[in-house]
């Protein structure tokens, strides 16, 4: 399959660019918070499934969730690239926390791109500043629209809103009082709606019915809807056939931040292993310098596409969506390579329980299977 690379995209990617990612104050505060508040908790997050609630509120306080959000709603209006860099910085230390940071940012992205100004007034500021925590329940609908599985929720129109029924198996960054997005098929039609809901809505319940090998601290629950009334003030779009293409590139591309952070941390661990084992690691296929170069290319391409998203939202071009999907695919594949190489570089020491290297491997597989997964992305590309 040939890949179309617009000349200006190719040229932009090749430019050496050491530009500062985020405003210096935010980046400084974020790095300090990661080092002092997140790093000491990573083992408990990974091994005990502790949800890092205090740290999530801290990210909101320093402005980490509001990078895409307009200033009138408490954000900094800096764009998707800045949001990706927040996710990247956190994921370098802990992909679990980077993932739920992405969930929060994604939910803010949905709300700010809705035409429902009432919902923006009600909720956007609180999601942007981390006062209200929020997830994204789009795994099932994204698979549904790719002809992978059936839609799980139905919505029946009622006076003043809709009544939703069904069950979503896994939605992350949830807990009591959290909000999250859902897509439901409108009964007796081929149309869909997208809405923001919470377990505080009557007849909506959360259940923790699985234990995962990784990302156990991500606040992942099954969500059961039994005649849940969702008022119009919480409807993002109905129908949503024009709305979902508008949010889709940002949804997919912002996930790459998890991979960029993981890959960078793997490279640093490989360098550490080389201090003692460099003389024999030299014979392995993946070398540090090669992975560093590929990471830099992936980072530059991701940042360019992020800057371009606002120009594409209302007139999405096939080439742009293809580039976004390919970049997300690259983030997964390079994460797997880097984590695998890190294991091989360390050798038997990586098998010691609690070693951060084996966690990186589990995190890399998560990046490759979280929606849209590798196979999902390749299916999407086949249609383009």
Protein backbone atom coordinates (compact mmCIF):
# COMPACT_ATOMS: atom_id res chain seq x y z
CA UNK A 1 0.00 0.00 0.00
CA UNK A 2 1.43 3.35 -1.02
CA UNK A 3 1.40 6.16 1.48
CA UNK A 4 0.73 9.71 0.38
CA UNK A 5 3.03 12.19 2.08
CA UNK A 6 2.21 15.81 1.23
CA UNK A 7 5.45 17.64 0.37
CA UNK A 8 4.98 20.25 3.07
CA UNK A 9 4.38 17.52 5.65
CA UNK A 10 7.55 15.65 4.64
CA UNK A 11 9.63 18.82 4.67
CA UNK A 12 8.27 19.90 8.04
CA UNK A 13 9.07 16.54 9.61
CA UNK A 14 12.68 16.72 8.42
CA UNK A 15 13.31 20.08 10.04
CA UNK A 16 15.37 19.81 13.23
CA UNK A 17 13.23 21.44 15.85
CA UNK A 18 14.02 21.74 19.55
CA UNK A 19 11.09 24.05 20.23
CA UNK A 20 9.76 24.23 23.75
CA UNK A 21 6.63 22.05 24.03
CA UNK A 22 4.61 23.82 26.66
CA UNK A 23 4.94 27.12 28.43
CA UNK A 24 7.97 26.89 30.70
CA UNK A 25 6.00 27.37 33.87
CA UNK A 26 3.57 24.53 33.11
CA UNK A 27 6.32 22.14 32.05
CA UNK A 28 8.39 22.96 35.09
CA UNK A 29 5.43 22.46 37.43
CA UNK A 30 4.42 19.26 35.66
CA UNK A 31 7.91 17.72 35.83
CA UNK A 32 8.17 18.61 39.49
CA UNK A 33 4.79 17.06 40.23
CA UNK A 34 5.70 13.88 38.31
CA UNK A 35 8.98 13.53 40.19
CA UNK A 36 7.72 14.35 43.67
CA UNK A 37 4.08 13.22 43.64
CA UNK A 38 3.70 10.56 40.94
CA UNK A 39 7.00 8.66 40.90
CA UNK A 40 6.75 7.52 44.56
CA UNK A 41 3.27 6.13 43.84
CA UNK A 42 3.96 4.20 40.64
CA UNK A 43 4.53 0.81 42.31
CA UNK A 44 1.27 1.09 44.23
CA UNK A 45 -0.55 2.17 41.07
CA UNK A 46 0.83 -0.78 39.14
CA UNK A 47 0.91 -3.54 41.75
CA UNK A 48 -1.97 -2.57 44.04
CA UNK A 49 -4.23 -0.92 41.48
CA UNK A 50 -4.23 2.41 43.32
CA UNK A 51 -6.02 5.13 41.38
CA UNK A 52 -3.89 8.33 41.53
CA UNK A 53 -6.77 10.65 42.35
CA UNK A 54 -4.74 13.30 44.18
CA UNK A 55 -2.25 13.52 41.34
CA UNK A 56 -5.04 13.87 38.79
CA UNK A 57 -6.44 16.82 40.68
CA UNK A 58 -2.90 18.24 40.82
CA UNK A 59 -2.56 18.03 37.02
CA UNK A 60 -5.76 20.02 36.74
CA UNK A 61 -4.53 22.65 39.18
CA UNK A 62 -1.39 23.34 37.16
CA UNK A 63 -3.30 23.49 33.86
CA UNK A 64 -2.42 20.12 32.36
CA UNK A 65 -5.94 19.21 31.25
CA UNK A 66 -6.86 22.56 29.75
CA UNK A 67 -4.39 22.89 26.91
CA UNK A 68 -7.02 22.55 24.17
CA UNK A 69 -9.78 24.35 26.07
CA UNK A 70 -10.73 27.98 25.25
CA UNK A 71 -9.75 30.56 27.83
CA UNK A 72 -13.36 31.50 28.60
CA UNK A 73 -13.77 28.01 30.05
CA UNK A 74 -10.59 28.10 32.12
CA UNK A 75 -8.22 26.59 29.56
CA UNK A 76 -5.08 27.94 27.94
CA UNK A 77 -6.21 27.36 24.32
CA UNK A 78 -2.76 26.09 23.31
CA UNK A 79 -3.96 23.19 21.16
CA UNK A 80 -3.65 19.43 20.82
CA UNK A 81 0.14 19.47 20.57
CA UNK A 82 0.45 20.89 24.06
CA UNK A 83 -2.00 18.29 25.36
CA UNK A 84 0.04 15.51 23.74
CA UNK A 85 3.17 16.80 25.43
CA UNK A 86 1.44 16.71 28.83
CA UNK A 87 0.46 13.08 28.22
CA UNK A 88 3.97 12.31 26.97
CA UNK A 89 5.66 13.76 30.06
CA UNK A 90 3.42 11.82 32.46
CA UNK A 91 3.61 8.56 30.45
CA UNK A 92 7.39 8.59 30.61
CA UNK A 93 7.00 7.87 34.31
CA UNK A 94 3.70 5.93 34.31
CA UNK A 95 1.57 4.97 31.31
CA UNK A 96 -1.36 4.17 33.61
CA UNK A 97 -1.47 7.82 34.68
CA UNK A 98 -0.69 9.03 31.17
CA UNK A 99 -3.66 7.05 29.90
CA UNK A 100 -6.16 8.47 32.38
CA UNK A 101 -4.73 11.92 31.66
CA UNK A 102 -5.57 11.25 28.02
CA UNK A 103 -9.10 10.20 29.08
CA UNK A 104 -9.58 13.50 30.90
CA UNK A 105 -8.21 15.56 28.01
CA UNK A 106 -10.33 13.60 25.52
CA UNK A 107 -13.52 14.30 27.47
CA UNK A 108 -12.72 18.01 27.52
CA UNK A 109 -12.08 17.77 23.76
CA UNK A 110 -15.55 16.30 23.20
CA UNK A 111 -17.28 18.99 25.22
CA UNK A 112 -15.43 21.93 23.68
CA UNK A 113 -16.21 20.67 20.16
CA UNK A 114 -19.92 20.28 20.84
CA UNK A 115 -22.48 22.86 19.75
CA UNK A 116 -24.17 22.46 23.15
CA UNK A 117 -23.24 25.68 24.89
CA UNK A 118 -25.28 24.74 27.95
CA UNK A 119 -23.09 21.67 28.49
CA UNK A 120 -19.96 23.76 28.04
CA UNK A 121 -21.20 26.19 30.67
CA UNK A 122 -22.18 23.37 33.04
CA UNK A 123 -19.10 21.18 32.87
CA UNK A 124 -16.18 22.22 30.64
CA UNK A 125 -14.41 24.47 33.13
CA UNK A 126 -14.58 21.84 35.89
CA UNK A 127 -13.18 19.12 33.60
CA UNK A 128 -10.44 21.44 32.32
CA UNK A 129 -9.24 22.33 35.82
CA UNK A 130 -9.54 18.77 37.16
CA UNK A 131 -12.23 19.61 39.69
CA UNK A 132 -14.41 17.00 37.98
CA UNK A 133 -12.67 13.88 36.70
CA UNK A 134 -13.86 12.37 33.44
CA UNK A 135 -13.48 9.34 31.21
CA UNK A 136 -14.18 8.47 27.62
CA UNK A 137 -16.55 5.62 26.74
CA UNK A 138 -15.87 5.52 23.01
CA UNK A 139 -14.19 2.12 22.70
CA UNK A 140 -17.39 0.32 21.71
CA UNK A 141 -18.68 2.91 19.22
CA UNK A 142 -15.27 3.31 17.57
CA UNK A 143 -15.21 -0.46 17.02
CA UNK A 144 -18.83 -0.40 15.90
CA UNK A 145 -18.20 2.25 13.25
CA UNK A 146 -15.26 0.16 12.00
CA UNK A 147 -17.56 -2.92 11.68
CA UNK A 148 -15.76 -4.77 14.48
CA UNK A 149 -18.59 -5.11 17.01
CA UNK A 150 -22.21 -4.09 17.57
CA UNK A 151 -23.19 -0.90 19.35
CA UNK A 152 -23.87 -1.57 23.03
CA UNK A 153 -26.22 1.28 23.99
CA UNK A 154 -29.64 2.34 22.71
CA UNK A 155 -31.32 5.70 23.23
CA UNK A 156 -35.07 6.31 23.13
CA UNK A 157 -36.23 9.92 22.67
CA UNK A 158 -38.24 11.28 25.59
CA UNK A 159 -39.51 14.72 26.47
CA UNK A 160 -36.47 16.78 27.42
CA UNK A 161 -33.87 14.17 26.54
CA UNK A 162 -33.27 10.46 25.94
CA UNK A 163 -33.50 7.22 27.92
CA UNK A 164 -30.41 5.03 27.49
CA UNK A 165 -30.16 1.28 28.04
CA UNK A 166 -27.32 -1.23 27.66
CA UNK A 167 -23.89 -2.02 29.07
CA UNK A 168 -20.35 -0.85 28.29
CA UNK A 169 -17.82 -3.47 29.44
CA UNK A 170 -14.84 -1.22 30.21
CA UNK A 171 -14.65 2.55 30.61
CA UNK A 172 -11.59 4.12 32.25
CA UNK A 173 -10.85 7.08 34.50
CA UNK A 174 -14.08 6.47 36.38
CA UNK A 175 -15.12 6.54 40.00
CA UNK A 176 -17.95 8.01 42.08
CA UNK A 177 -19.04 11.32 40.60
CA UNK A 178 -16.87 11.09 37.48
CA UNK A 179 -18.29 11.96 34.07
CA UNK A 180 -17.79 10.12 30.78
CA UNK A 181 -18.88 10.18 27.16
CA UNK A 182 -21.10 7.58 25.48
CA UNK A 183 -22.53 6.89 22.05
CA UNK A 184 -25.94 5.23 21.67
CA UNK A 185 -28.05 4.29 18.68
CA UNK A 186 -31.34 6.16 18.57
CA UNK A 187 -34.16 3.60 18.56
CA UNK A 188 -35.99 2.88 15.32
CA UNK A 189 -33.37 4.75 13.31
CA UNK A 190 -29.90 4.46 11.84
CA UNK A 191 -28.81 7.59 13.73
CA UNK A 192 -26.66 7.92 16.85
CA UNK A 193 -26.26 10.39 19.67
CA UNK A 194 -23.28 11.23 21.81
CA UNK A 195 -23.71 12.38 25.40
CA UNK A 196 -21.95 13.03 28.69
CA UNK A 197 -23.18 10.97 31.65
CA UNK A 198 -22.23 10.16 35.24
CA UNK A 199 -22.90 7.41 37.76
CA UNK A 200 -24.81 10.11 39.63
CA UNK A 201 -27.51 9.80 36.96
CA UNK A 202 -30.35 7.63 38.29
CA UNK A 203 -30.14 3.93 37.25
CA UNK A 204 -26.54 4.17 36.00
CA UNK A 205 -24.18 1.91 37.96
CA UNK A 206 -20.46 1.07 37.86
CA UNK A 207 -19.02 -2.40 38.47
CA UNK A 208 -15.37 -3.43 38.83
CA UNK A 209 -15.56 -7.01 37.57
CA UNK A 210 -12.09 -7.69 36.16
CA UNK A 211 -8.48 -7.64 37.34
CA UNK A 212 -5.94 -6.64 34.72
CA UNK A 213 -2.25 -7.52 34.36
CA UNK A 214 -1.48 -3.83 33.90
CA UNK A 215 -3.20 -0.45 34.04
CA UNK A 216 -5.08 -1.71 37.09
CA UNK A 217 -4.96 1.79 38.59
CA UNK A 218 -6.87 3.31 35.67
CA UNK A 219 -10.30 3.37 37.32
CA UNK A 220 -11.79 0.97 34.76
CA UNK A 221 -15.38 -0.17 35.29
CA UNK A 222 -18.28 -1.79 33.52
CA UNK A 223 -21.15 0.68 33.12
CA UNK A 224 -24.74 -0.57 33.31
CA UNK A 225 -27.59 1.58 31.97
CA UNK A 226 -31.15 0.67 33.01
CA UNK A 227 -33.54 3.34 31.79
CA UNK A 228 -31.06 6.14 32.41
CA UNK A 229 -32.57 9.51 31.52
CA UNK A 230 -30.07 11.91 29.95
CA UNK A 231 -31.37 15.49 29.65
CA UNK A 232 -30.69 17.52 26.51
CA UNK A 233 -28.26 19.71 28.41
CA UNK A 234 -25.88 16.72 28.46
CA UNK A 235 -26.21 15.75 24.79
CA UNK A 236 -23.02 16.45 22.82
CA UNK A 237 -24.66 15.83 19.45
CA UNK A 238 -27.82 14.14 18.14
CA UNK A 239 -27.45 12.96 15.48
CA UNK A 240 -23.67 12.84 15.57
CA UNK A 241 -22.59 11.84 12.05
CA UNK A 242 -20.90 15.23 11.54
CA UNK A 243 -19.69 15.61 15.12
CA UNK A 244 -17.71 12.36 15.42
CA UNK A 245 -15.49 13.03 12.37
CA UNK A 246 -14.71 16.41 13.95
CA UNK A 247 -13.40 14.90 17.20
CA UNK A 248 -11.92 11.70 15.73
CA UNK A 249 -8.45 12.93 14.64
CA UNK A 250 -7.80 14.53 18.04
CA UNK A 251 -9.08 11.42 19.82
CA UNK A 252 -6.64 9.19 17.91
CA UNK A 253 -3.63 11.46 17.66
CA UNK A 254 -3.53 12.51 21.31
CA UNK A 255 -3.06 8.86 22.28
CA UNK A 256 0.37 8.95 20.65
CA UNK A 257 1.60 10.90 23.68
CA UNK A 258 1.50 7.67 25.68
CA UNK A 259 3.79 5.96 23.22
CA UNK A 260 6.23 8.87 22.94
CA UNK A 261 6.67 8.95 26.71
CA UNK A 262 7.04 5.18 27.03
CA UNK A 263 9.58 4.93 24.23
CA UNK A 264 11.72 7.68 25.72
CA UNK A 265 11.73 5.97 29.13
CA UNK A 266 12.68 2.66 27.49
CA UNK A 267 15.61 4.31 25.72
CA UNK A 268 16.84 5.70 29.05
CA UNK A 269 16.59 2.23 30.62
CA UNK A 270 18.51 0.75 27.70
CA UNK A 271 21.27 3.30 28.23
CA UNK A 272 21.40 2.33 31.89
CA UNK A 273 21.76 -1.36 30.97
CA UNK A 274 24.52 -0.51 28.52
CA UNK A 275 26.72 0.80 31.31
CA UNK A 276 27.38 -2.81 32.27
CA UNK A 277 26.20 -4.80 29.27
CA UNK A 278 26.90 -2.54 26.31
CA UNK A 279 29.63 -4.83 25.03
CA UNK A 280 27.11 -7.64 24.47
CA UNK A 281 23.96 -5.57 23.84
CA UNK A 282 25.83 -4.30 20.79
CA UNK A 283 24.84 -7.54 19.02
CA UNK A 284 21.07 -7.05 19.46
CA UNK A 285 18.98 -5.85 16.51
CA UNK A 286 17.59 -2.67 18.09
CA UNK A 287 20.25 -0.19 19.10
CA UNK A 288 19.76 2.92 21.22
CA UNK A 289 20.82 5.37 18.52
CA UNK A 290 18.40 3.88 16.00
CA UNK A 291 15.46 4.03 18.40
CA UNK A 292 16.36 7.61 19.38
CA UNK A 293 16.26 8.63 15.73
CA UNK A 294 12.93 6.91 15.12
CA UNK A 295 11.46 8.46 18.26
CA UNK A 296 12.49 11.92 17.13
CA UNK A 297 10.89 11.40 13.72
CA UNK A 298 7.68 10.12 15.30
CA UNK A 299 7.58 13.04 17.72
CA UNK A 300 8.04 15.64 14.97
CA UNK A 301 5.37 14.07 12.80
CA UNK A 302 2.95 13.87 15.73
CA UNK A 303 3.51 17.51 16.63
CA UNK A 304 3.05 18.66 13.04
CA UNK A 305 -0.25 16.79 12.67
CA UNK A 306 -1.40 18.18 16.01
CA UNK A 307 -0.77 21.72 14.80
CA UNK A 308 -2.72 20.93 11.64
CA UNK A 309 -5.83 19.53 13.38
CA UNK A 310 -7.65 22.85 13.70
CA UNK A 311 -7.32 23.40 9.95
CA UNK A 312 -8.80 19.97 9.26
CA UNK A 313 -11.69 19.72 11.70
CA UNK A 314 -14.39 21.20 9.50
CA UNK A 315 -13.04 19.87 6.19
CA UNK A 316 -11.32 16.59 6.99
CA UNK A 317 -9.08 15.42 4.16
CA UNK A 318 -8.40 11.72 3.56
CA UNK A 319 -4.66 12.26 3.52
CA UNK A 320 -4.79 13.86 6.96
CA UNK A 321 -6.80 11.10 8.61
CA UNK A 322 -4.50 8.55 6.99
CA UNK A 323 -1.44 10.31 8.42
CA UNK A 324 -3.06 10.44 11.87
CA UNK A 325 -3.85 6.73 11.79
CA UNK A 326 -0.38 5.82 10.53
CA UNK A 327 1.21 7.92 13.26
CA UNK A 328 -0.89 6.24 15.94
CA UNK A 329 0.08 2.87 14.43
CA UNK A 330 3.74 3.88 14.50
CA UNK A 331 3.43 4.82 18.16
CA UNK A 332 2.16 1.32 18.99
CA UNK A 333 4.73 -0.55 16.94
CA UNK A 334 7.66 1.52 18.16
CA UNK A 335 6.47 1.13 21.77
CA UNK A 336 6.51 -2.67 21.38
CA UNK A 337 9.97 -2.59 19.82
CA UNK A 338 11.39 -0.32 22.50
CA UNK A 339 9.91 -2.30 25.40
CA UNK A 340 11.06 -5.59 23.90
CA UNK A 341 14.56 -4.23 23.40
CA UNK A 342 14.63 -2.92 26.96
CA UNK A 343 13.83 -6.41 28.28
CA UNK A 344 16.56 -7.97 26.15
CA UNK A 345 19.09 -5.32 27.14
CA UNK A 346 18.52 -5.92 30.85
CA UNK A 347 18.34 -9.70 30.65
CA UNK A 348 17.42 -11.72 33.75
CA UNK A 349 17.23 -8.62 35.95
CA UNK A 350 14.08 -7.59 34.10
CA UNK A 351 12.37 -10.72 35.46
CA UNK A 352 12.61 -9.62 39.06
CA UNK A 353 9.12 -8.84 40.34
CA UNK A 354 8.50 -5.12 40.52
CA UNK A 355 11.29 -4.23 38.11
CA UNK A 356 10.15 -1.20 36.07
CA UNK A 357 11.35 -2.85 32.86
CA UNK A 358 8.71 -5.59 32.88
CA UNK A 359 6.09 -2.92 33.60
CA UNK A 360 7.20 -1.12 30.46
CA UNK A 361 6.52 -4.28 28.47
CA UNK A 362 2.98 -4.56 29.86
CA UNK A 363 2.42 -0.86 29.22
CA UNK A 364 3.60 -1.22 25.62
CA UNK A 365 1.10 -4.00 24.97
CA UNK A 366 -1.63 -1.80 26.40
CA UNK A 367 -0.74 0.99 23.96
CA UNK A 368 -1.02 -1.57 21.16
CA UNK A 369 -4.43 -2.94 22.21
CA UNK A 370 -6.31 0.05 23.64
CA UNK A 371 -8.93 1.33 21.17
CA UNK A 372 -8.06 1.83 18.41
CA UNK A 373 -5.83 -1.26 18.61
CA UNK A 374 -3.17 -2.20 16.07
CA UNK A 375 -5.56 -4.44 14.13
CA UNK A 376 -8.30 -1.78 14.31
CA UNK A 377 -5.93 0.86 12.94
CA UNK A 378 -4.84 -1.41 10.09
CA UNK A 379 -8.47 -2.10 9.24
CA UNK A 380 -9.15 1.63 9.13
CA UNK A 381 -6.17 2.16 6.84
CA UNK A 382 -7.40 -0.55 4.47
CA UNK A 383 -10.57 1.49 3.91
CA UNK A 384 -8.57 4.62 3.11
